[in-house]
Amino acid sequence: MKPIGIYGNLEKPKVASVARALMARLQRLRQKFLVEEKLADLLGHRDGHSVAALGRVCRMLIVLGGDGTVLRAARALHPREIPLLAVNLGKLGFLAAVTPSELHDVLPEILAGRGRLTAHSMLRVSVESANRRLRGLVALNDAVVSRGIGSRLIEMELRVNGEFLNSYFCDGMILATATGSTAYSLSAGGPILVPWARAMAITPICPHTISNRSMVLVERAVIELRVLRCPGELFLSLDGQDTYRLSAEDRVSARLGRFCVRMLRPAGRDFFALLRKKLHWAGSNI
């Protein structure tokens, strides 16, 4: 049987203690495991492996960190679709839904195949102009085109499947997957989508007019964004982690990719219950 991979965010204070407890638990369950190289160094573990190598040889990857750690792991593993079990050492935890205290009891259930597996679409992003071409960029949450320091608005044009949609005066544009709909897009007033939906949301950031609203597009849509005028710096950010400088001549295209991120959760974990908890929704008897 293939081993289980362990990957952790070294910036989280609890990662070493949680990783050691996890390794001990896997040994008691007679499960082979491999540890990502930086985490292995921290733990004094002999054998460390890159995230890409873990994706090639492991049957699942246990991610210790917050949602940002899951996003980083998902991009590093692409296009491999090995299941991720995310343990939340962060704050919000939409993707990393298992707490360290739950891991001891959850692990046998997951290893026995009684967990819930959901497929999350990724964005495939490219940048093209007369002078350069960037392809093969991916994001699990979102691709954001935004300005740098300065108060001047960006003028941009957006097309869907080659057809003109609208022109915008705004601080930027968020192109979000269904998974990313509860991240930056939600903060900017975008809609919430169930994370397994094959759809995308377009959300302008601080548009000059209130008539510019978010839109939800079907899975085969190809979004092309062209910046017409930007008085200052311009950037493309993927999942808020990988950043590329843009120029006004660049065209940013995004579509849903062929490969998914497969997330493992304990059986019985309901997305709507998670929404109520994380967003502090409260029902009413009236």
Protein backbone atom coordinates (compact mmCIF):
# COMPACT_ATOMS: atom_id res chain seq x y z
CA MET A 1 0.00 0.00 0.00
CA LYS A 2 1.25 3.50 -0.85
CA PRO A 3 2.41 5.66 2.08
CA ILE A 4 0.69 8.73 3.51
CA GLY A 5 2.36 12.10 2.99
CA ILE A 6 2.70 14.74 5.73
CA TYR A 7 3.16 18.43 4.86
CA GLY A 8 3.10 21.34 7.30
CA ASN A 9 3.39 25.10 7.57
CA LEU A 10 6.53 25.78 9.59
CA GLU A 11 5.26 29.23 10.57
CA LYS A 12 2.52 27.68 12.73
CA PRO A 13 3.74 27.32 16.35
CA LYS A 14 1.95 23.99 16.89
CA VAL A 15 3.07 22.29 13.69
CA ALA A 16 5.96 20.31 15.27
CA SER A 17 3.90 18.92 18.17
CA VAL A 18 0.93 18.08 15.92
CA ALA A 19 3.22 16.41 13.35
CA ARG A 20 4.92 14.28 16.01
CA ALA A 21 1.58 13.18 17.43
CA LEU A 22 0.37 12.36 13.90
CA MET A 23 3.47 10.30 13.12
CA ALA A 24 3.07 8.35 16.37
CA ARG A 25 -0.59 7.73 15.60
CA LEU A 26 0.21 6.46 12.10
CA GLN A 27 2.86 4.12 13.52
CA ARG A 28 0.31 2.67 15.96
CA LEU A 29 -2.08 2.19 13.04
CA ARG A 30 0.76 0.46 11.11
CA GLN A 31 0.65 3.00 8.31
CA LYS A 32 3.73 3.97 6.32
CA PHE A 33 4.31 7.70 5.91
CA LEU A 34 6.66 10.17 4.23
CA VAL A 35 7.40 13.71 5.45
CA GLU A 36 7.94 16.86 3.38
CA GLU A 37 11.60 17.90 3.46
CA LYS A 38 11.37 21.20 5.40
CA LEU A 39 9.09 19.69 8.02
CA ALA A 40 11.40 16.67 8.24
CA ASP A 41 14.34 18.98 9.00
CA LEU A 42 12.37 20.70 11.75
CA LEU A 43 11.46 17.36 13.33
CA GLY A 44 14.93 15.84 12.94
CA HIS A 45 13.37 13.18 10.70
CA ARG A 46 15.90 11.38 8.53
CA ASP A 47 14.15 11.29 5.19
CA GLY A 48 12.46 14.32 3.63
CA HIS A 49 10.75 14.68 0.26
CA SER A 50 9.51 17.55 -1.91
CA VAL A 51 5.76 18.16 -2.12
CA ALA A 52 5.85 17.13 -5.79
CA ALA A 53 7.56 13.86 -4.85
CA LEU A 54 4.93 13.18 -2.17
CA GLY A 55 2.27 13.71 -4.83
CA ARG A 56 3.86 11.07 -7.05
CA VAL A 57 4.21 8.28 -4.46
CA CYS A 58 1.62 8.88 -1.71
CA ARG A 59 -2.02 7.83 -1.66
CA MET A 60 -3.06 10.91 0.34
CA LEU A 61 -1.49 14.01 1.85
CA ILE A 62 -2.19 15.28 5.37
CA VAL A 63 -1.75 19.07 5.42
CA LEU A 64 -0.98 20.76 8.76
CA GLY A 65 -1.69 24.50 8.67
CA GLY A 66 -4.46 26.84 7.65
CA ASP A 67 -6.32 27.42 4.40
CA GLY A 68 -3.26 29.18 2.97
CA THR A 69 -1.20 26.02 3.49
CA VAL A 70 -3.83 24.00 1.61
CA LEU A 71 -3.73 26.49 -1.29
CA ARG A 72 0.07 26.25 -1.45
CA ALA A 73 -0.02 22.44 -1.39
CA ALA A 74 -2.72 22.29 -4.07
CA ARG A 75 -0.68 24.37 -6.52
CA ALA A 76 2.51 22.41 -5.77
CA LEU A 77 0.74 19.08 -6.38
CA HIS A 78 -0.98 20.11 -9.61
CA PRO A 79 -1.88 18.22 -11.80
CA ARG A 80 -1.87 15.23 -9.42
CA GLU A 81 -5.20 14.67 -7.72
CA ILE A 82 -4.23 12.81 -4.55
CA PRO A 83 -6.72 13.47 -1.71
CA LEU A 84 -5.85 16.11 0.90
CA LEU A 85 -6.83 15.86 4.55
CA ALA A 86 -6.36 19.35 6.02
CA VAL A 87 -5.79 19.91 9.75
CA ASN A 88 -6.52 23.48 10.83
CA LEU A 89 -3.70 25.21 12.71
CA GLY A 90 -4.91 28.62 11.48
CA LYS A 91 -7.97 30.76 12.13
CA LEU A 92 -10.91 30.55 9.72
CA GLY A 93 -10.54 27.06 8.26
CA PHE A 94 -12.95 26.64 5.35
CA LEU A 95 -10.62 24.13 3.69
CA ALA A 96 -8.76 22.93 6.78
CA ALA A 97 -11.82 21.72 8.66
CA VAL A 98 -10.32 19.12 11.06
CA THR A 99 -8.89 20.38 14.36
CA PRO A 100 -5.76 18.81 15.91
CA SER A 101 -7.85 17.46 18.80
CA GLU A 102 -10.16 15.68 16.33
CA LEU A 103 -7.35 14.11 14.30
CA HIS A 104 -6.81 11.13 16.66
CA ASP A 105 -10.40 9.92 16.19
CA VAL A 106 -10.88 11.05 12.60
CA LEU A 107 -7.82 9.31 11.16
CA PRO A 108 -9.01 5.65 11.46
CA GLU A 109 -12.34 6.64 9.89
CA ILE A 110 -10.60 8.31 6.94
CA LEU A 111 -8.14 5.42 6.47
CA ALA A 112 -11.06 2.96 6.46
CA GLY A 113 -12.59 4.82 3.51
CA ARG A 114 -15.51 6.28 5.44
CA GLY A 115 -14.61 9.92 4.83
CA ARG A 116 -16.29 12.31 2.42
CA LEU A 117 -14.35 13.20 -0.74
CA THR A 118 -15.20 16.35 -2.71
CA ALA A 119 -13.66 17.62 -5.96
CA HIS A 120 -12.72 21.32 -6.13
CA SER A 121 -12.08 22.97 -9.49
CA MET A 122 -8.93 24.98 -10.11
CA LEU A 123 -8.43 28.00 -12.33
CA ARG A 124 -6.06 27.75 -15.28
CA VAL A 125 -4.62 31.19 -15.93
CA SER A 126 -2.48 32.65 -18.70
CA VAL A 127 -1.00 36.08 -19.46
CA GLU A 128 -0.30 37.17 -23.02
CA SER A 129 0.95 40.30 -24.77
CA ALA A 130 3.11 41.16 -27.75
CA ASN A 131 6.21 40.83 -25.57
CA ARG A 132 5.59 37.79 -23.37
CA ARG A 133 3.48 34.74 -22.66
CA LEU A 134 2.87 33.04 -19.29
CA ARG A 135 0.97 29.76 -19.31
CA GLY A 136 0.35 26.89 -16.92
CA LEU A 137 -0.52 29.14 -13.95
CA VAL A 138 -3.08 27.63 -11.56
CA ALA A 139 -5.09 28.75 -8.54
CA LEU A 140 -7.51 26.97 -6.24
CA ASN A 141 -9.20 30.09 -4.80
CA ASP A 142 -8.81 33.01 -7.16
CA ALA A 143 -6.85 35.07 -9.64
CA VAL A 144 -6.86 38.78 -8.80
CA VAL A 145 -5.80 41.64 -11.05
CA SER A 146 -5.28 44.77 -8.94
CA ARG A 147 -3.31 47.99 -8.69
CA GLY A 148 -0.37 48.66 -6.45
CA ILE A 149 0.14 51.67 -4.20
CA GLY A 150 -1.80 54.69 -5.43
CA SER A 151 -5.34 56.03 -5.51
CA ARG A 152 -6.05 56.06 -9.26
CA LEU A 153 -8.65 53.62 -10.61
CA ILE A 154 -7.96 50.96 -13.23
CA GLU A 155 -9.94 50.94 -16.46
CA MET A 156 -10.42 47.40 -17.73
CA GLU A 157 -12.46 45.50 -20.29
CA LEU A 158 -13.85 42.02 -19.72
CA ARG A 159 -14.92 39.47 -22.33
CA VAL A 160 -16.52 36.05 -21.88
CA ASN A 161 -16.01 33.47 -24.65
CA GLY A 162 -14.85 36.30 -26.88
CA GLU A 163 -17.99 38.41 -26.36
CA PHE A 164 -17.75 41.84 -24.75
CA LEU A 165 -19.29 41.87 -21.25
CA ASN A 166 -18.49 45.26 -19.73
CA SER A 167 -15.90 47.94 -19.03
CA TYR A 168 -15.00 48.71 -15.43
CA PHE A 169 -13.45 51.56 -13.45
CA CYS A 170 -12.34 49.88 -10.23
CA ASP A 171 -9.44 48.92 -7.95
CA GLY A 172 -9.23 45.48 -9.54
CA MET A 173 -11.05 42.28 -10.48
CA ILE A 174 -11.42 38.95 -8.69
CA LEU A 175 -11.86 35.80 -10.76
CA ALA A 176 -12.86 33.16 -8.21
CA THR A 177 -13.59 29.45 -8.27
CA ALA A 178 -16.52 28.07 -6.28
CA THR A 179 -14.02 27.18 -3.54
CA GLY A 180 -12.67 30.73 -3.57
CA SER A 181 -16.14 32.26 -3.39
CA THR A 182 -15.87 32.31 0.43
CA ALA A 183 -12.48 34.06 0.35
CA TYR A 184 -11.55 37.50 -1.11
CA SER A 185 -14.55 37.47 -3.45
CA LEU A 186 -16.95 37.23 -0.50
CA SER A 187 -15.21 40.16 1.23
CA ALA A 188 -15.71 42.21 -1.95
CA GLY A 189 -19.45 41.44 -2.04
CA GLY A 190 -19.39 38.36 -4.27
CA PRO A 191 -21.81 35.40 -4.08
CA ILE A 192 -21.26 32.18 -2.11
CA LEU A 193 -21.11 29.02 -4.24
CA VAL A 194 -21.01 25.45 -2.98
CA PRO A 195 -17.33 24.51 -3.30
CA TRP A 196 -17.89 21.49 -5.56
CA ALA A 197 -19.73 23.56 -8.22
CA ARG A 198 -18.10 23.79 -11.66
CA ALA A 199 -18.54 27.55 -11.88
CA MET A 200 -16.68 30.84 -11.52
CA ALA A 201 -17.55 34.22 -10.01
CA ILE A 202 -16.41 37.59 -11.39
CA THR A 203 -16.30 40.28 -8.69
CA PRO A 204 -15.05 43.87 -9.27
CA ILE A 205 -13.15 45.46 -6.37
CA CYS A 206 -14.62 48.83 -5.33
CA PRO A 207 -16.18 49.65 -8.72
CA HIS A 208 -16.85 53.30 -9.51
CA THR A 209 -20.56 52.64 -10.10
CA ILE A 210 -22.94 50.44 -8.08
CA SER A 211 -24.33 48.94 -11.30
CA ASN A 212 -21.17 46.80 -11.60
CA ARG A 213 -22.18 43.57 -9.84
CA SER A 214 -20.72 40.10 -9.44
CA MET A 215 -21.57 37.46 -12.01
CA VAL A 216 -21.53 33.66 -11.89
CA LEU A 217 -20.36 31.88 -15.05
CA VAL A 218 -20.72 28.27 -16.16
CA GLU A 219 -17.81 25.86 -16.31
CA ARG A 220 -16.97 26.24 -20.01
CA ALA A 221 -16.65 30.02 -19.86
CA VAL A 222 -13.33 31.57 -20.86
CA ILE A 223 -12.74 34.95 -19.20
CA GLU A 224 -10.42 37.47 -20.84
CA LEU A 225 -9.49 40.60 -18.96
CA ARG A 226 -7.65 43.45 -20.65
CA VAL A 227 -6.43 46.52 -18.78
CA LEU A 228 -7.03 49.66 -20.84
CA ARG A 229 -5.48 52.17 -18.44
CA CYS A 230 -3.59 51.92 -15.16
CA PRO A 231 -1.73 55.02 -13.89
CA GLY A 232 0.49 53.01 -11.53
CA GLU A 233 1.67 49.48 -10.83
CA LEU A 234 -0.44 46.48 -11.82
CA PHE A 235 -0.30 42.92 -10.49
CA LEU A 236 -1.77 39.46 -10.97
CA SER A 237 -2.05 37.47 -7.73
CA LEU A 238 -2.86 33.75 -7.56
CA ASP A 239 -4.43 32.61 -4.29
CA GLY A 240 -2.93 35.71 -2.68
CA GLN A 241 0.48 33.98 -2.73
CA ASP A 242 2.08 33.96 -6.21
CA THR A 243 2.35 37.47 -7.69
CA TYR A 244 3.26 38.64 -11.21
CA ARG A 245 3.75 42.20 -12.40
CA LEU A 246 1.51 43.18 -15.32
CA SER A 247 1.55 45.95 -17.90
CA ALA A 248 -1.36 47.64 -19.65
CA GLU A 249 -0.75 45.59 -22.80
CA ASP A 250 -1.21 42.24 -21.03
CA ARG A 251 -4.33 40.12 -21.45
CA VAL A 252 -5.23 37.80 -18.56
CA SER A 253 -7.29 34.73 -19.44
CA ALA A 254 -8.86 32.29 -16.98
CA ARG A 255 -10.97 29.16 -17.23
CA LEU A 256 -11.68 26.13 -15.11
CA GLY A 257 -8.95 23.53 -15.53
CA ARG A 258 -9.28 19.85 -16.25
CA PHE A 259 -7.73 18.75 -12.93
CA CYS A 260 -9.31 19.08 -9.50
CA VAL A 261 -8.19 19.21 -5.89
CA ARG A 262 -9.75 16.37 -3.93
CA MET A 263 -10.48 17.23 -0.30
CA LEU A 264 -11.15 14.65 2.42
CA ARG A 265 -13.46 15.39 5.35
CA PRO A 266 -14.99 13.21 8.05
CA ALA A 267 -18.38 11.80 7.09
CA GLY A 268 -21.28 13.91 8.27
CA ARG A 269 -19.47 17.25 7.93
CA ASP A 270 -21.97 19.52 6.18
CA PHE A 271 -20.85 22.57 4.17
CA PHE A 272 -23.88 24.61 5.22
CA ALA A 273 -23.21 23.89 8.89
CA LEU A 274 -19.63 25.03 8.27
CA LEU A 275 -20.92 28.27 6.72
CA ARG A 276 -23.15 28.95 9.70
CA LYS A 277 -20.26 28.36 12.09
CA LYS A 278 -17.53 30.26 10.24
CA LEU A 279 -19.69 33.23 9.21
CA HIS A 280 -21.46 33.39 12.59
CA TRP A 281 -24.92 33.07 11.07
CA ALA A 282 -27.76 32.78 13.54
CA GLY A 283 -31.26 31.50 12.80
CA SER A 284 -34.48 33.04 14.05
CA ASN A 285 -37.69 31.61 15.42
CA ILE A 286 -39.66 34.49 13.93
